[in-house]
């Protein structure tokens, strides 16, 4: 079952870099949402894959 993992970014560049890394790891574009009004990036993924996304968030200093 897929769940949303939300991360809070501090700049558009930071969000873009996270987006690029998520795409590079094979996460479909349709599963990644960026809300610039709320400064949140949301990734819809199976729970088993959340560790990889959290590692990307940590690398870019995204809080979740």
C-alpha atoms as a PDB file:
ATOM      1  CA  UNK A   1       0.000   0.000   0.000  1.00  0.00           C
ATOM      2  CA  UNK A   2       1.311   3.428  -0.930  1.00  0.00           C
ATOM      3  CA  UNK A   3       1.503   6.303   1.513  1.00  0.00           C
ATOM      4  CA  UNK A   4       2.514   9.928   1.233  1.00  0.00           C
ATOM      5  CA  UNK A   5       5.810  11.068   2.666  1.00  0.00           C
ATOM      6  CA  UNK A   6       5.941  14.849   3.056  1.00  0.00           C
ATOM      7  CA  UNK A   7       9.081  16.944   3.297  1.00  0.00           C
ATOM      8  CA  UNK A   8       9.389  20.669   3.936  1.00  0.00           C
ATOM      9  CA  UNK A   9      11.861  22.598   1.796  1.00  0.00           C
ATOM     10  CA  UNK A  10      13.267  26.088   2.253  1.00  0.00           C
ATOM     11  CA  UNK A  11      13.940  27.127  -1.357  1.00  0.00           C
ATOM     12  CA  UNK A  12      12.840  26.330  -4.890  1.00  0.00           C
ATOM     13  CA  UNK A  13      16.380  25.216  -5.738  1.00  0.00           C
ATOM     14  CA  UNK A  14      16.322  22.751  -2.857  1.00  0.00           C
ATOM     15  CA  UNK A  15      12.968  21.356  -4.056  1.00  0.00           C
ATOM     16  CA  UNK A  16      14.267  21.076  -7.638  1.00  0.00           C
ATOM     17  CA  UNK A  17      17.360  19.163  -6.510  1.00  0.00           C
ATOM     18  CA  UNK A  18      15.238  16.753  -4.474  1.00  0.00           C
ATOM     19  CA  UNK A  19      12.897  16.305  -7.453  1.00  0.00           C
ATOM     20  CA  UNK A  20      15.861  15.477  -9.688  1.00  0.00           C
ATOM     21  CA  UNK A  21      17.239  12.922  -7.208  1.00  0.00           C
ATOM     22  CA  UNK A  22      13.839  11.268  -6.755  1.00  0.00           C
ATOM     23  CA  UNK A  23      13.398  10.948 -10.529  1.00  0.00           C
ATOM     24  CA  UNK A  24      16.955   9.576 -10.869  1.00  0.00           C
ATOM     25  CA  UNK A  25      16.154   6.808  -8.361  1.00  0.00           C
ATOM     26  CA  UNK A  26      13.216   5.680 -10.478  1.00  0.00           C
ATOM     27  CA  UNK A  27      10.261   7.227  -8.675  1.00  0.00           C
ATOM     28  CA  UNK A  28       7.592   8.107 -11.268  1.00  0.00           C
ATOM     29  CA  UNK A  29       6.963  11.809 -11.854  1.00  0.00           C
ATOM     30  CA  UNK A  30       3.259  11.224 -11.211  1.00  0.00           C
ATOM     31  CA  UNK A  31       4.120  10.238  -7.614  1.00  0.00           C
ATOM     32  CA  UNK A  32       5.960  13.462  -6.766  1.00  0.00           C
ATOM     33  CA  UNK A  33       4.097  16.664  -5.953  1.00  0.00           C
ATOM     34  CA  UNK A  34       5.592  20.049  -5.083  1.00  0.00           C
ATOM     35  CA  UNK A  35       3.392  22.597  -3.325  1.00  0.00           C
ATOM     36  CA  UNK A  36       5.267  25.884  -3.557  1.00  0.00           C
ATOM     37  CA  UNK A  37       2.647  27.741  -1.506  1.00  0.00           C
ATOM     38  CA  UNK A  38       3.160  25.409   1.471  1.00  0.00           C
ATOM     39  CA  UNK A  39       6.856  24.628   0.761  1.00  0.00           C
ATOM     40  CA  UNK A  40       6.103  20.908   0.782  1.00  0.00           C
ATOM     41  CA  UNK A  41       7.226  18.084  -1.463  1.00  0.00           C
ATOM     42  CA  UNK A  42       5.002  15.008  -1.294  1.00  0.00           C
ATOM     43  CA  UNK A  43       6.089  11.594  -2.520  1.00  0.00           C
ATOM     44  CA  UNK A  44       3.528   8.786  -2.885  1.00  0.00           C
ATOM     45  CA  UNK A  45       5.363   5.472  -2.513  1.00  0.00           C
ATOM     46  CA  UNK A  46       5.005   2.030  -0.972  1.00  0.00           C
ATOM     47  CA  UNK A  47       6.072   1.962   2.654  1.00  0.00           C
ATOM     48  CA  UNK A  48       8.984  -0.370   1.812  1.00  0.00           C
ATOM     49  CA  UNK A  49      10.559   2.374  -0.326  1.00  0.00           C
ATOM     50  CA  UNK A  50      10.249   5.209   2.188  1.00  0.00           C
ATOM     51  CA  UNK A  51      13.767   4.648   3.534  1.00  0.00           C
ATOM     52  CA  UNK A  52      15.301   5.596   0.189  1.00  0.00           C
ATOM     53  CA  UNK A  53      13.200   8.781  -0.016  1.00  0.00           C
ATOM     54  CA  UNK A  54      14.114   9.719   3.567  1.00  0.00           C
ATOM     55  CA  UNK A  55      17.800   9.323   2.674  1.00  0.00           C
ATOM     56  CA  UNK A  56      17.313  11.747  -0.234  1.00  0.00           C
ATOM     57  CA  UNK A  57      15.443  14.172   2.043  1.00  0.00           C
ATOM     58  CA  UNK A  58      18.263  13.936   4.612  1.00  0.00           C
ATOM     59  CA  UNK A  59      20.942  14.524   1.965  1.00  0.00           C
ATOM     60  CA  UNK A  60      19.195  17.761   0.926  1.00  0.00           C
ATOM     61  CA  UNK A  61      18.298  18.801   4.495  1.00  0.00           C
ATOM     62  CA  UNK A  62      14.553  18.404   3.936  1.00  0.00           C
ATOM     63  CA  UNK A  63      12.605  17.990   7.171  1.00  0.00           C
ATOM     64  CA  UNK A  64       9.870  15.356   7.274  1.00  0.00           C
END
